[in-house]
Amino acid sequence: MNLHPAAISADIAPGCHAALLLNQAGWHLSAKLVVPANITIVRLPAKCPELNPQENIWQFLRDNWLSNRIFLNEDDLADHCCETWNKLEAQPWRIMSIGMREWAHRS
C-alpha cells in the first residue's frame, strides 16, 4: 500500500498538497502506512460507499459495461476489463461528472 501514496506524492506539484480519500479497508488503517508530507489522509466513515467517488465509478462501469456478460475464460475477462477501463479513461468529462461533489470545491 505504501507504493501508491508515494507515487501520488511524486505527481503533486511543488508547493501543493493533496487530500487522499480512503475507506475503512484494513490496509488503509494499517499502522505501517507511510503518508508523505504533501498528502493528508481523509478517512471516510465505514459502510458509506456513496461518499467515495471511486465507488461511483465502479458502479457506473458495472451498470454500463461490465454487467450481464459471459466470459469464455480469464483472458477474455481481463481483455474486457481493459477495454472498459480504456473506454472510460478516454472520457475524462464522464469521470468528472460521476465523481464530482458539489460541496467539494476550491474556494
N, C-alpha and C. Protein backbone atom coordinates (compact mmCIF):
# COMPACT_ATOMS: atom_id res chain seq x y z
N MET A 1 0.81 -1.20 0.00
CA MET A 1 0.00 0.00 0.00
C MET A 1 0.86 1.27 0.00
N ASN A 2 2.07 1.20 0.51
CA ASN A 2 2.91 2.40 0.58
C ASN A 2 3.38 2.88 -0.79
N LEU A 3 3.38 2.01 -1.78
CA LEU A 3 3.80 2.42 -3.12
C LEU A 3 2.82 3.41 -3.74
N HIS A 4 1.54 3.22 -3.47
CA HIS A 4 0.52 4.09 -4.05
C HIS A 4 0.63 5.53 -3.53
N PRO A 5 0.65 5.77 -2.22
CA PRO A 5 0.82 7.16 -1.75
C PRO A 5 2.14 7.77 -2.23
N ALA A 6 3.19 6.98 -2.31
CA ALA A 6 4.48 7.51 -2.78
C ALA A 6 4.37 7.94 -4.23
N ALA A 7 3.67 7.16 -5.06
CA ALA A 7 3.50 7.51 -6.47
C ALA A 7 2.64 8.77 -6.61
N ILE A 8 1.60 8.87 -5.81
CA ILE A 8 0.76 10.07 -5.84
C ILE A 8 1.57 11.28 -5.41
N SER A 9 2.33 11.12 -4.35
CA SER A 9 3.15 12.21 -3.82
C SER A 9 4.12 12.75 -4.87
N ALA A 10 4.69 11.85 -5.65
CA ALA A 10 5.65 12.25 -6.67
C ALA A 10 5.00 13.08 -7.78
N ASP A 11 3.69 12.92 -7.97
CA ASP A 11 2.98 13.66 -9.03
C ASP A 11 2.37 14.97 -8.56
N ILE A 12 2.47 15.26 -7.28
CA ILE A 12 1.92 16.51 -6.75
C ILE A 12 2.90 17.64 -7.04
N ALA A 13 2.37 18.71 -7.61
CA ALA A 13 3.23 19.85 -7.98
C ALA A 13 3.91 20.42 -6.73
N PRO A 14 5.13 20.90 -6.88
CA PRO A 14 5.84 21.51 -5.74
C PRO A 14 5.00 22.63 -5.12
N GLY A 15 4.96 22.65 -3.80
CA GLY A 15 4.20 23.66 -3.08
C GLY A 15 2.72 23.35 -2.95
N CYS A 16 2.27 22.24 -3.53
CA CYS A 16 0.86 21.85 -3.44
C CYS A 16 0.69 20.70 -2.45
N HIS A 17 -0.54 20.44 -2.11
CA HIS A 17 -0.88 19.41 -1.14
C HIS A 17 -2.08 18.65 -1.68
N ALA A 18 -2.19 17.37 -1.37
CA ALA A 18 -3.31 16.55 -1.84
C ALA A 18 -4.05 15.94 -0.66
N ALA A 19 -5.34 15.76 -0.84
CA ALA A 19 -6.16 15.01 0.12
C ALA A 19 -6.46 13.67 -0.53
N LEU A 20 -6.19 12.60 0.17
CA LEU A 20 -6.41 11.25 -0.33
C LEU A 20 -7.54 10.62 0.46
N LEU A 21 -8.66 10.35 -0.22
CA LEU A 21 -9.80 9.72 0.43
C LEU A 21 -9.57 8.23 0.55
N LEU A 22 -9.73 7.69 1.76
CA LEU A 22 -9.56 6.26 1.98
C LEU A 22 -10.77 5.72 2.72
N ASN A 23 -11.22 4.54 2.31
CA ASN A 23 -12.31 3.90 3.04
C ASN A 23 -11.72 3.17 4.24
N GLN A 24 -12.51 2.33 4.86
CA GLN A 24 -12.08 1.66 6.08
C GLN A 24 -11.48 0.27 5.83
N ALA A 25 -10.97 0.05 4.63
CA ALA A 25 -10.30 -1.23 4.35
C ALA A 25 -9.11 -1.40 5.30
N GLY A 26 -8.87 -2.63 5.70
CA GLY A 26 -7.83 -2.91 6.68
C GLY A 26 -6.46 -2.36 6.32
N TRP A 27 -6.09 -2.46 5.04
CA TRP A 27 -4.77 -1.97 4.63
C TRP A 27 -4.70 -0.45 4.66
N HIS A 28 -5.86 0.22 4.61
CA HIS A 28 -5.87 1.68 4.72
C HIS A 28 -5.70 2.12 6.17
N LEU A 29 -6.00 1.24 7.09
CA LEU A 29 -5.92 1.56 8.52
C LEU A 29 -4.62 1.10 9.16
N SER A 30 -3.79 0.46 8.39
CA SER A 30 -2.56 -0.12 8.92
C SER A 30 -1.64 0.93 9.52
N ALA A 31 -1.05 0.58 10.65
CA ALA A 31 -0.06 1.47 11.28
C ALA A 31 1.21 1.53 10.44
N LYS A 32 1.35 0.60 9.50
CA LYS A 32 2.53 0.57 8.64
C LYS A 32 2.40 1.51 7.43
N LEU A 33 1.22 2.13 7.26
CA LEU A 33 1.01 3.03 6.14
C LEU A 33 1.89 4.28 6.32
N VAL A 34 2.71 4.55 5.32
CA VAL A 34 3.58 5.73 5.34
C VAL A 34 2.91 6.81 4.49
N VAL A 35 2.59 7.94 5.12
CA VAL A 35 1.91 9.03 4.42
C VAL A 35 2.93 10.14 4.16
N PRO A 36 3.19 10.44 2.89
CA PRO A 36 4.12 11.52 2.56
C PRO A 36 3.64 12.86 3.11
N ALA A 37 4.56 13.77 3.34
CA ALA A 37 4.24 15.06 3.95
C ALA A 37 3.30 15.92 3.10
N ASN A 38 3.26 15.69 1.79
CA ASN A 38 2.41 16.51 0.94
C ASN A 38 1.04 15.87 0.67
N ILE A 39 0.68 14.91 1.50
CA ILE A 39 -0.63 14.25 1.41
C ILE A 39 -1.29 14.23 2.78
N THR A 40 -2.58 14.54 2.80
CA THR A 40 -3.39 14.38 4.01
C THR A 40 -4.40 13.27 3.75
N ILE A 41 -4.47 12.33 4.66
CA ILE A 41 -5.42 11.23 4.55
C ILE A 41 -6.77 11.69 5.12
N VAL A 42 -7.82 11.49 4.34
CA VAL A 42 -9.19 11.76 4.80
C VAL A 42 -9.88 10.40 4.86
N ARG A 43 -10.15 9.95 6.07
CA ARG A 43 -10.77 8.64 6.24
C ARG A 43 -12.28 8.78 6.16
N LEU A 44 -12.87 8.05 5.24
CA LEU A 44 -14.32 8.07 5.08
C LEU A 44 -14.96 7.19 6.15
N PRO A 45 -16.18 7.51 6.54
CA PRO A 45 -16.86 6.66 7.52
C PRO A 45 -17.04 5.25 6.97
N ALA A 46 -17.08 4.28 7.87
CA ALA A 46 -17.29 2.90 7.46
C ALA A 46 -18.68 2.73 6.85
N LYS A 47 -18.77 1.84 5.90
CA LYS A 47 -20.04 1.46 5.26
C LYS A 47 -20.77 2.62 4.62
N CYS A 48 -20.02 3.52 3.99
CA CYS A 48 -20.60 4.67 3.28
C CYS A 48 -20.00 4.78 1.88
N PRO A 49 -20.20 3.77 1.03
CA PRO A 49 -19.56 3.81 -0.29
C PRO A 49 -20.02 4.99 -1.14
N GLU A 50 -21.19 5.53 -0.85
CA GLU A 50 -21.67 6.67 -1.64
C GLU A 50 -20.80 7.92 -1.46
N LEU A 51 -20.00 7.96 -0.40
CA LEU A 51 -19.10 9.10 -0.18
C LEU A 51 -17.79 8.97 -0.95
N ASN A 52 -17.52 7.79 -1.46
CA ASN A 52 -16.27 7.53 -2.15
C ASN A 52 -16.49 7.62 -3.66
N PRO A 53 -15.96 8.65 -4.31
CA PRO A 53 -16.18 8.79 -5.75
C PRO A 53 -15.76 7.57 -6.55
N GLN A 54 -14.72 6.86 -6.11
CA GLN A 54 -14.29 5.66 -6.83
C GLN A 54 -15.38 4.60 -6.85
N GLU A 55 -16.14 4.49 -5.76
CA GLU A 55 -17.23 3.52 -5.73
C GLU A 55 -18.28 3.87 -6.79
N ASN A 56 -18.49 5.18 -7.00
CA ASN A 56 -19.44 5.60 -8.04
C ASN A 56 -18.92 5.25 -9.43
N ILE A 57 -17.61 5.34 -9.62
CA ILE A 57 -17.01 4.95 -10.90
C ILE A 57 -17.22 3.46 -11.13
N TRP A 58 -16.93 2.64 -10.11
CA TRP A 58 -17.12 1.19 -10.27
C TRP A 58 -18.58 0.86 -10.54
N GLN A 59 -19.49 1.55 -9.87
CA GLN A 59 -20.92 1.30 -10.10
C GLN A 59 -21.28 1.62 -11.55
N PHE A 60 -20.75 2.74 -12.07
CA PHE A 60 -21.00 3.10 -13.47
C PHE A 60 -20.48 2.02 -14.40
N LEU A 61 -19.25 1.55 -14.16
CA LEU A 61 -18.67 0.51 -15.01
C LEU A 61 -19.51 -0.75 -14.98
N ARG A 62 -19.95 -1.15 -13.78
CA ARG A 62 -20.77 -2.36 -13.68
C ARG A 62 -22.11 -2.17 -14.39
N ASP A 63 -22.74 -1.03 -14.17
CA ASP A 63 -24.06 -0.79 -14.75
C ASP A 63 -24.03 -0.69 -16.27
N ASN A 64 -22.95 -0.17 -16.83
CA ASN A 64 -22.94 0.15 -18.25
C ASN A 64 -22.10 -0.77 -19.12
N TRP A 65 -20.99 -1.28 -18.61
CA TRP A 65 -20.09 -2.01 -19.49
C TRP A 65 -19.63 -3.37 -18.96
N LEU A 66 -19.86 -3.65 -17.70
CA LEU A 66 -19.32 -4.90 -17.16
C LEU A 66 -20.39 -5.90 -16.71
N SER A 67 -21.65 -5.54 -16.79
CA SER A 67 -22.68 -6.45 -16.29
C SER A 67 -23.24 -7.32 -17.41
N ASN A 68 -23.93 -8.37 -17.01
CA ASN A 68 -24.64 -9.27 -17.92
C ASN A 68 -23.76 -9.77 -19.06
N ARG A 69 -22.61 -10.28 -18.71
CA ARG A 69 -21.67 -10.80 -19.69
C ARG A 69 -21.27 -12.23 -19.31
N ILE A 70 -20.98 -13.00 -20.31
CA ILE A 70 -20.41 -14.33 -20.09
C ILE A 70 -19.02 -14.30 -20.72
N PHE A 71 -18.04 -14.64 -19.94
CA PHE A 71 -16.66 -14.62 -20.40
C PHE A 71 -16.20 -16.05 -20.69
N LEU A 72 -15.46 -16.20 -21.76
CA LEU A 72 -15.00 -17.52 -22.17
C LEU A 72 -13.93 -18.07 -21.24
N ASN A 73 -13.11 -17.16 -20.70
CA ASN A 73 -12.01 -17.58 -19.83
C ASN A 73 -11.45 -16.34 -19.13
N GLU A 74 -10.40 -16.52 -18.34
CA GLU A 74 -9.81 -15.39 -17.61
C GLU A 74 -9.24 -14.34 -18.55
N ASP A 75 -8.64 -14.76 -19.64
CA ASP A 75 -8.10 -13.79 -20.60
C ASP A 75 -9.20 -12.93 -21.21
N ASP A 76 -10.33 -13.56 -21.52
CA ASP A 76 -11.47 -12.82 -22.08
C ASP A 76 -11.96 -11.79 -21.06
N LEU A 77 -12.04 -12.18 -19.80
CA LEU A 77 -12.45 -11.27 -18.73
C LEU A 77 -11.47 -10.11 -18.61
N ALA A 78 -10.18 -10.42 -18.57
CA ALA A 78 -9.15 -9.38 -18.43
C ALA A 78 -9.17 -8.44 -19.63
N ASP A 79 -9.33 -8.99 -20.82
CA ASP A 79 -9.40 -8.15 -22.03
C ASP A 79 -10.59 -7.21 -21.98
N HIS A 80 -11.72 -7.74 -21.57
CA HIS A 80 -12.93 -6.90 -21.50
C HIS A 80 -12.77 -5.79 -20.45
N CYS A 81 -12.19 -6.12 -19.31
CA CYS A 81 -11.97 -5.12 -18.27
C CYS A 81 -11.00 -4.03 -18.75
N CYS A 82 -9.96 -4.43 -19.47
CA CYS A 82 -9.01 -3.44 -20.00
C CYS A 82 -9.68 -2.54 -21.03
N GLU A 83 -10.47 -3.13 -21.92
CA GLU A 83 -11.20 -2.33 -22.92
C GLU A 83 -12.15 -1.34 -22.23
N THR A 84 -12.82 -1.82 -21.20
CA THR A 84 -13.77 -0.97 -20.46
C THR A 84 -13.03 0.18 -19.80
N TRP A 85 -11.92 -0.12 -19.13
CA TRP A 85 -11.15 0.93 -18.46
C TRP A 85 -10.63 1.95 -19.46
N ASN A 86 -10.12 1.48 -20.59
CA ASN A 86 -9.61 2.40 -21.62
C ASN A 86 -10.73 3.26 -22.19
N LYS A 87 -11.92 2.68 -22.34
CA LYS A 87 -13.07 3.45 -22.83
C LYS A 87 -13.41 4.57 -21.85
N LEU A 88 -13.42 4.24 -20.57
CA LEU A 88 -13.73 5.26 -19.56
C LEU A 88 -12.62 6.31 -19.49
N GLU A 89 -11.38 5.87 -19.52
CA GLU A 89 -10.25 6.79 -19.42
C GLU A 89 -10.24 7.79 -20.58
N ALA A 90 -10.77 7.40 -21.72
CA ALA A 90 -10.83 8.28 -22.88
C ALA A 90 -11.95 9.32 -22.76
N GLN A 91 -12.71 9.24 -21.66
CA GLN A 91 -13.83 10.16 -21.45
C GLN A 91 -13.67 10.88 -20.10
N PRO A 92 -12.66 11.74 -19.96
CA PRO A 92 -12.43 12.39 -18.66
C PRO A 92 -13.62 13.19 -18.17
N TRP A 93 -14.40 13.75 -19.06
CA TRP A 93 -15.59 14.50 -18.65
C TRP A 93 -16.58 13.60 -17.94
N ARG A 94 -16.67 12.34 -18.35
CA ARG A 94 -17.59 11.40 -17.69
C ARG A 94 -17.09 11.08 -16.29
N ILE A 95 -15.78 10.86 -16.16
CA ILE A 95 -15.19 10.58 -14.85
C ILE A 95 -15.46 11.75 -13.92
N MET A 96 -15.27 12.96 -14.42
CA MET A 96 -15.51 14.15 -13.59
C MET A 96 -16.97 14.25 -13.18
N SER A 97 -17.89 13.98 -14.11
CA SER A 97 -19.30 14.12 -13.78
C SER A 97 -19.76 13.06 -12.77
N ILE A 98 -19.18 11.86 -12.85
CA ILE A 98 -19.54 10.80 -11.91
C ILE A 98 -18.96 11.07 -10.53
N GLY A 99 -17.71 11.53 -10.49
CA GLY A 99 -17.01 11.69 -9.22
C GLY A 99 -17.13 13.06 -8.57
N MET A 100 -17.68 14.03 -9.28
CA MET A 100 -17.74 15.40 -8.77
C MET A 100 -18.68 15.50 -7.56
N ARG A 101 -18.28 16.27 -6.62
CA ARG A 101 -19.09 16.55 -5.43
C ARG A 101 -19.33 18.05 -5.38
N GLU A 102 -20.57 18.46 -5.35
CA GLU A 102 -20.91 19.88 -5.32
C GLU A 102 -20.24 20.60 -4.15
N TRP A 103 -20.16 19.91 -3.01
CA TRP A 103 -19.65 20.54 -1.79
C TRP A 103 -18.13 20.55 -1.72
N ALA A 104 -17.47 19.83 -2.60
CA ALA A 104 -16.00 19.74 -2.55
C ALA A 104 -15.41 20.55 -3.69
N HIS A 105 -15.12 21.79 -3.42
CA HIS A 105 -14.53 22.63 -4.46
C HIS A 105 -13.54 23.59 -3.82
N ARG A 106 -12.71 24.11 -4.65
CA ARG A 106 -11.68 25.06 -4.21
C ARG A 106 -12.32 26.44 -4.12
N SER A 107 -12.13 27.11 -3.02
CA SER A 107 -12.74 28.45 -2.88
C SER A 107 -11.72 29.54 -3.10
